Amino acid sequence: MTETSKQNLAILFITLMLAATIFLFARFLQPAINQAKELSAKIKEEQEKIRLLQDYKTKSELLVQTYANLGEQVNDVHLALPDDPQAAQVLAILDAISKKTNIYFSNLTFTEGSQEGQNYLEIKTVFFANYEDFKKWIAEIEKELRLIDLTRISIKQSDSPKSTVMEYDLVMRVYFIGSDTQI
């Protein structure tokens, strides 16, 4: 074999090896490299999701702990806005306040109602008292934890012009959540 033939054979062999390398790279290595890049991107996405989930978990644990620490305040909210009207409790509250302020009701009427999605127990009453006792009564109602609104007050002078006692006709609303209301 001549030197030129050897050189041509070497060039042909190198060319075939180069073509085989390119073929192998294009056929097997390039898809593997692309798949590795895709997997790397997916791993980064999943790691970000895991980080976000860990952040949410931390925040939820913090909220649960905060809620647990607010136990007394949560109980106060349930007292202020219970699930049902609790007319007996309202009557006991009004009775205690009335005894404290020397006001005695001549009648009480309880009616349940709902307006704009808010449930309430409406209480109509009439009583006689002097103005100072009425002011004390109003102050005690305002201090009460249970949500009570005075929606209508009508004040009339008593029959005797020299008397300081007046007739008070009022309507109050005591609110509650109810089973059909969502917070």
C-alpha atoms as a PDB file:
ATOM      1  CA  MET A   1       0.000   0.000   0.000  1.00  0.00           C
ATOM      2  CA  THR A   2       1.257   3.328  -0.976  1.00  0.00           C
ATOM      3  CA  GLU A   3       1.566   6.283   1.251  1.00  0.00           C
ATOM      4  CA  THR A   4      -1.229   8.146  -0.509  1.00  0.00           C
ATOM      5  CA  SER A   5      -3.567   5.191  -0.100  1.00  0.00           C
ATOM      6  CA  LYS A   6      -2.741   5.055   3.577  1.00  0.00           C
ATOM      7  CA  GLN A   7      -3.470   8.754   3.931  1.00  0.00           C
ATOM      8  CA  ASN A   8      -6.737   8.451   2.009  1.00  0.00           C
ATOM      9  CA  LEU A   9      -7.704   5.465   4.112  1.00  0.00           C
ATOM     10  CA  ALA A  10      -6.893   7.402   7.323  1.00  0.00           C
ATOM     11  CA  ILE A  11      -8.917  10.401   6.106  1.00  0.00           C
ATOM     12  CA  LEU A  12     -11.810   8.103   5.232  1.00  0.00           C
ATOM     13  CA  PHE A  13     -11.569   6.435   8.638  1.00  0.00           C
ATOM     14  CA  ILE A  14     -11.476   9.802  10.430  1.00  0.00           C
ATOM     15  CA  THR A  15     -14.419  11.007   8.348  1.00  0.00           C
ATOM     16  CA  LEU A  16     -16.399   7.859   9.158  1.00  0.00           C
ATOM     17  CA  MET A  17     -15.544   8.204  12.851  1.00  0.00           C
ATOM     18  CA  LEU A  18     -16.573  11.863  12.783  1.00  0.00           C
ATOM     19  CA  ALA A  19     -19.841  10.958  11.020  1.00  0.00           C
ATOM     20  CA  ALA A  20     -20.473   8.144  13.522  1.00  0.00           C
ATOM     21  CA  THR A  21     -19.805  10.535  16.431  1.00  0.00           C
ATOM     22  CA  ILE A  22     -22.176  13.124  14.989  1.00  0.00           C
ATOM     23  CA  PHE A  23     -24.772  10.410  14.357  1.00  0.00           C
ATOM     24  CA  LEU A  24     -24.465   9.086  17.928  1.00  0.00           C
ATOM     25  CA  PHE A  25     -24.573  12.597  19.345  1.00  0.00           C
ATOM     26  CA  ALA A  26     -27.661  13.519  17.303  1.00  0.00           C
ATOM     27  CA  ARG A  27     -29.405  10.192  17.909  1.00  0.00           C
ATOM     28  CA  PHE A  28     -28.666   9.456  21.574  1.00  0.00           C
ATOM     29  CA  LEU A  29     -26.756  12.166  23.399  1.00  0.00           C
ATOM     30  CA  GLN A  30     -28.710  15.269  22.291  1.00  0.00           C
ATOM     31  CA  PRO A  31     -32.107  13.884  23.464  1.00  0.00           C
ATOM     32  CA  ALA A  32     -30.519  12.827  26.753  1.00  0.00           C
ATOM     33  CA  ILE A  33     -29.048  16.296  27.213  1.00  0.00           C
ATOM     34  CA  ASN A  34     -32.396  17.914  26.396  1.00  0.00           C
ATOM     35  CA  GLN A  35     -34.177  15.550  28.774  1.00  0.00           C
ATOM     36  CA  ALA A  36     -31.644  16.372  31.496  1.00  0.00           C
ATOM     37  CA  LYS A  37     -32.271  20.099  30.963  1.00  0.00           C
ATOM     38  CA  GLU A  38     -36.057  19.568  31.148  1.00  0.00           C
ATOM     39  CA  LEU A  39     -35.693  17.491  34.302  1.00  0.00           C
ATOM     40  CA  SER A  40     -33.466  20.142  35.830  1.00  0.00           C
ATOM     41  CA  ALA A  41     -36.082  22.807  35.073  1.00  0.00           C
ATOM     42  CA  LYS A  42     -38.831  20.601  36.556  1.00  0.00           C
ATOM     43  CA  ILE A  43     -36.737  20.001  39.668  1.00  0.00           C
ATOM     44  CA  LYS A  44     -36.336  23.768  40.111  1.00  0.00           C
ATOM     45  CA  GLU A  45     -40.101  24.262  39.688  1.00  0.00           C
ATOM     46  CA  GLU A  46     -40.854  21.514  42.204  1.00  0.00           C
ATOM     47  CA  GLN A  47     -38.326  22.951  44.658  1.00  0.00           C
ATOM     48  CA  GLU A  48     -40.057  26.335  44.342  1.00  0.00           C
ATOM     49  CA  LYS A  49     -43.424  24.673  44.961  1.00  0.00           C
ATOM     50  CA  ILE A  50     -42.002  22.896  48.004  1.00  0.00           C
ATOM     51  CA  ARG A  51     -40.628  26.198  49.302  1.00  0.00           C
ATOM     52  CA  LEU A  52     -44.029  27.863  48.814  1.00  0.00           C
ATOM     53  CA  LEU A  53     -45.772  24.964  50.559  1.00  0.00           C
ATOM     54  CA  GLN A  54     -43.342  25.223  53.451  1.00  0.00           C
ATOM     55  CA  ASP A  55     -44.064  28.972  53.653  1.00  0.00           C
ATOM     56  CA  TYR A  56     -47.814  28.267  53.669  1.00  0.00           C
ATOM     57  CA  LYS A  57     -47.346  25.593  56.301  1.00  0.00           C
ATOM     58  CA  THR A  58     -45.385  28.015  58.487  1.00  0.00           C
ATOM     59  CA  LYS A  59     -48.020  30.710  58.030  1.00  0.00           C
ATOM     60  CA  SER A  60     -50.860  28.298  58.777  1.00  0.00           C
ATOM     61  CA  GLU A  61     -49.103  27.074  61.928  1.00  0.00           C
ATOM     62  CA  LEU A  62     -48.616  30.696  62.968  1.00  0.00           C
ATOM     63  CA  LEU A  63     -52.317  31.411  62.350  1.00  0.00           C
ATOM     64  CA  VAL A  64     -53.363  28.333  64.330  1.00  0.00           C
ATOM     65  CA  GLN A  65     -51.111  29.413  67.191  1.00  0.00           C
ATOM     66  CA  THR A  66     -52.463  32.965  67.043  1.00  0.00           C
ATOM     67  CA  TYR A  67     -56.029  31.625  67.082  1.00  0.00           C
ATOM     68  CA  ALA A  68     -55.173  29.402  70.050  1.00  0.00           C
ATOM     69  CA  ASN A  69     -53.675  32.387  71.886  1.00  0.00           C
ATOM     70  CA  LEU A  70     -56.838  34.398  71.220  1.00  0.00           C
ATOM     71  CA  GLY A  71     -59.052  31.812  72.927  1.00  0.00           C
ATOM     72  CA  GLU A  72     -60.507  34.275  75.444  1.00  0.00           C
ATOM     73  CA  GLN A  73     -61.244  36.841  72.730  1.00  0.00           C
ATOM     74  CA  VAL A  74     -62.832  34.181  70.517  1.00  0.00           C
ATOM     75  CA  ASN A  75     -65.067  33.209  73.435  1.00  0.00           C
ATOM     76  CA  ASP A  76     -66.003  36.885  73.852  1.00  0.00           C
ATOM     77  CA  VAL A  77     -66.948  37.058  70.163  1.00  0.00           C
ATOM     78  CA  HIS A  78     -69.159  33.991  70.580  1.00  0.00           C
ATOM     79  CA  LEU A  79     -70.755  35.650  73.608  1.00  0.00           C
ATOM     80  CA  ALA A  80     -71.291  38.902  71.709  1.00  0.00           C
ATOM     81  CA  LEU A  81     -72.678  37.198  68.613  1.00  0.00           C
ATOM     82  CA  PRO A  82     -73.953  33.708  69.493  1.00  0.00           C
ATOM     83  CA  ASP A  83     -75.311  31.076  67.109  1.00  0.00           C
ATOM     84  CA  ASP A  84     -78.923  31.409  68.289  1.00  0.00           C
ATOM     85  CA  PRO A  85     -81.062  34.206  69.809  1.00  0.00           C
ATOM     86  CA  GLN A  86     -80.697  32.991  73.434  1.00  0.00           C
ATOM     87  CA  ALA A  87     -83.784  34.891  74.578  1.00  0.00           C
ATOM     88  CA  ALA A  88     -83.380  33.602  78.141  1.00  0.00           C
ATOM     89  CA  GLN A  89     -79.841  34.980  78.326  1.00  0.00           C
ATOM     90  CA  VAL A  90     -80.987  38.336  76.915  1.00  0.00           C
ATOM     91  CA  LEU A  91     -83.798  38.458  79.461  1.00  0.00           C
ATOM     92  CA  ALA A  92     -81.305  37.721  82.258  1.00  0.00           C
ATOM     93  CA  ILE A  93     -79.005  40.497  81.006  1.00  0.00           C
ATOM     94  CA  LEU A  94     -81.850  43.010  80.839  1.00  0.00           C
ATOM     95  CA  ASP A  95     -83.075  41.932  84.279  1.00  0.00           C
ATOM     96  CA  ALA A  96     -79.621  42.354  85.845  1.00  0.00           C
ATOM     97  CA  ILE A  97     -79.155  45.786  84.269  1.00  0.00           C
ATOM     98  CA  SER A  98     -82.662  46.848  85.274  1.00  0.00           C
ATOM     99  CA  LYS A  99     -82.134  45.836  88.900  1.00  0.00           C
ATOM    100  CA  LYS A 100     -78.808  47.677  88.964  1.00  0.00           C
ATOM    101  CA  THR A 101     -80.444  50.879  87.645  1.00  0.00           C
ATOM    102  CA  ASN A 102     -83.827  50.638  89.449  1.00  0.00           C
ATOM    103  CA  ILE A 103     -85.808  50.285  86.228  1.00  0.00           C
ATOM    104  CA  TYR A 104     -88.569  47.694  85.964  1.00  0.00           C
ATOM    105  CA  PHE A 105     -90.254  46.727  82.711  1.00  0.00           C
ATOM    106  CA  SER A 106     -94.009  46.653  82.494  1.00  0.00           C
ATOM    107  CA  ASN A 107     -93.944  44.292  79.497  1.00  0.00           C
ATOM    108  CA  LEU A 108     -91.487  42.683  77.099  1.00  0.00           C
ATOM    109  CA  THR A 109     -92.153  41.328  73.614  1.00  0.00           C
ATOM    110  CA  PHE A 110     -89.590  39.194  71.767  1.00  0.00           C
ATOM    111  CA  THR A 111     -89.674  38.765  67.985  1.00  0.00           C
ATOM    112  CA  GLU A 112     -87.063  37.099  65.781  1.00  0.00           C
ATOM    113  CA  GLY A 113     -86.254  38.683  62.444  1.00  0.00           C
ATOM    114  CA  SER A 114     -83.668  39.039  59.726  1.00  0.00           C
ATOM    115  CA  GLN A 115     -82.627  42.025  57.664  1.00  0.00           C
ATOM    116  CA  GLU A 116     -79.941  42.087  54.960  1.00  0.00           C
ATOM    117  CA  GLY A 117     -78.716  38.663  56.042  1.00  0.00           C
ATOM    118  CA  GLN A 118     -78.324  39.639  59.702  1.00  0.00           C
ATOM    119  CA  ASN A 119     -80.459  37.751  62.233  1.00  0.00           C
ATOM    120  CA  TYR A 120     -81.753  39.595  65.265  1.00  0.00           C
ATOM    121  CA  LEU A 121     -84.056  39.268  68.231  1.00  0.00           C
ATOM    122  CA  GLU A 122     -86.232  42.361  68.500  1.00  0.00           C
ATOM    123  CA  ILE A 123     -87.348  43.342  72.001  1.00  0.00           C
ATOM    124  CA  LYS A 124     -90.148  45.842  72.577  1.00  0.00           C
ATOM    125  CA  THR A 125     -90.673  47.193  76.065  1.00  0.00           C
ATOM    126  CA  VAL A 126     -92.269  49.986  78.050  1.00  0.00           C
ATOM    127  CA  PHE A 127     -91.062  51.213  81.439  1.00  0.00           C
ATOM    128  CA  PHE A 128     -91.277  54.225  83.726  1.00  0.00           C
ATOM    129  CA  ALA A 129     -88.170  55.887  85.185  1.00  0.00           C
ATOM    130  CA  ASN A 130     -86.584  59.235  85.857  1.00  0.00           C
ATOM    131  CA  TYR A 131     -84.059  60.556  83.373  1.00  0.00           C
ATOM    132  CA  GLU A 132     -80.989  59.851  85.540  1.00  0.00           C
ATOM    133  CA  ASP A 133     -81.927  56.183  85.962  1.00  0.00           C
ATOM    134  CA  PHE A 134     -82.585  55.955  82.217  1.00  0.00           C
ATOM    135  CA  LYS A 135     -79.093  57.372  81.486  1.00  0.00           C
ATOM    136  CA  LYS A 136     -77.564  54.782  83.846  1.00  0.00           C
ATOM    137  CA  TRP A 137     -79.575  52.060  82.119  1.00  0.00           C
ATOM    138  CA  ILE A 138     -78.326  53.183  78.675  1.00  0.00           C
ATOM    139  CA  ALA A 139     -74.728  53.269  79.969  1.00  0.00           C
ATOM    140  CA  GLU A 140     -75.068  49.695  81.261  1.00  0.00           C
ATOM    141  CA  ILE A 141     -76.523  48.542  77.933  1.00  0.00           C
ATOM    142  CA  GLU A 142     -73.507  50.067  76.164  1.00  0.00           C
ATOM    143  CA  LYS A 143     -71.094  48.217  78.501  1.00  0.00           C
ATOM    144  CA  GLU A 144     -72.775  44.879  77.826  1.00  0.00           C
ATOM    145  CA  LEU A 145     -70.722  42.440  75.771  1.00  0.00           C
ATOM    146  CA  ARG A 146     -73.750  41.198  73.821  1.00  0.00           C
ATOM    147  CA  LEU A 147     -74.467  43.364  70.772  1.00  0.00           C
ATOM    148  CA  ILE A 148     -77.592  45.401  71.524  1.00  0.00           C
ATOM    149  CA  ASP A 149     -78.891  48.285  69.398  1.00  0.00           C
ATOM    150  CA  LEU A 150     -81.639  50.638  70.464  1.00  0.00           C
ATOM    151  CA  THR A 151     -83.564  51.104  67.234  1.00  0.00           C
ATOM    152  CA  ARG A 152     -86.427  53.262  68.493  1.00  0.00           C
ATOM    153  CA  ILE A 153     -87.009  55.298  71.642  1.00  0.00           C
ATOM    154  CA  SER A 154     -90.160  57.194  72.440  1.00  0.00           C
ATOM    155  CA  ILE A 155     -90.201  59.302  75.621  1.00  0.00           C
ATOM    156  CA  LYS A 156     -93.408  60.722  77.067  1.00  0.00           C
ATOM    157  CA  GLN A 157     -93.940  62.929  80.097  1.00  0.00           C
ATOM    158  CA  SER A 158     -95.991  61.203  82.774  1.00  0.00           C
ATOM    159  CA  ASP A 159     -99.547  62.348  83.542  1.00  0.00           C
ATOM    160  CA  SER A 160     -98.490  64.400  86.562  1.00  0.00           C
ATOM    161  CA  PRO A 161     -96.740  67.623  85.531  1.00  0.00           C
ATOM    162  CA  LYS A 162     -94.714  67.773  88.786  1.00  0.00           C
ATOM    163  CA  SER A 163     -93.417  64.196  88.452  1.00  0.00           C
ATOM    164  CA  THR A 164     -89.898  63.540  87.153  1.00  0.00           C
ATOM    165  CA  VAL A 165     -90.878  60.060  86.016  1.00  0.00           C
ATOM    166  CA  MET A 166     -91.252  59.575  82.269  1.00  0.00           C
ATOM    167  CA  GLU A 167     -92.593  56.755  80.149  1.00  0.00           C
ATOM    168  CA  TYR A 168     -90.029  55.125  77.866  1.00  0.00           C
ATOM    169  CA  ASP A 169     -91.198  53.021  74.941  1.00  0.00           C
ATOM    170  CA  LEU A 170     -88.261  51.376  73.210  1.00  0.00           C
ATOM    171  CA  VAL A 171     -87.340  48.790  70.659  1.00  0.00           C
ATOM    172  CA  MET A 172     -83.976  46.995  70.885  1.00  0.00           C
ATOM    173  CA  ARG A 173     -82.268  44.520  68.614  1.00  0.00           C
ATOM    174  CA  VAL A 174     -79.967  41.803  69.898  1.00  0.00           C
ATOM    175  CA  TYR A 175     -78.011  40.149  67.101  1.00  0.00           C
ATOM    176  CA  PHE A 176     -77.060  36.520  66.548  1.00  0.00           C
ATOM    177  CA  ILE A 177     -75.464  34.511  63.743  1.00  0.00           C
ATOM    178  CA  GLY A 178     -78.101  31.856  63.157  1.00  0.00           C
ATOM    179  CA  SER A 179     -77.732  28.570  61.321  1.00  0.00           C
ATOM    180  CA  ASP A 180     -78.260  30.040  57.819  1.00  0.00           C
ATOM    181  CA  THR A 181     -75.740  32.894  58.148  1.00  0.00           C
ATOM    182  CA  GLN A 182     -72.098  32.496  57.152  1.00  0.00           C
ATOM    183  CA  ILE A 183     -69.307  34.554  58.694  1.00  0.00           C
END
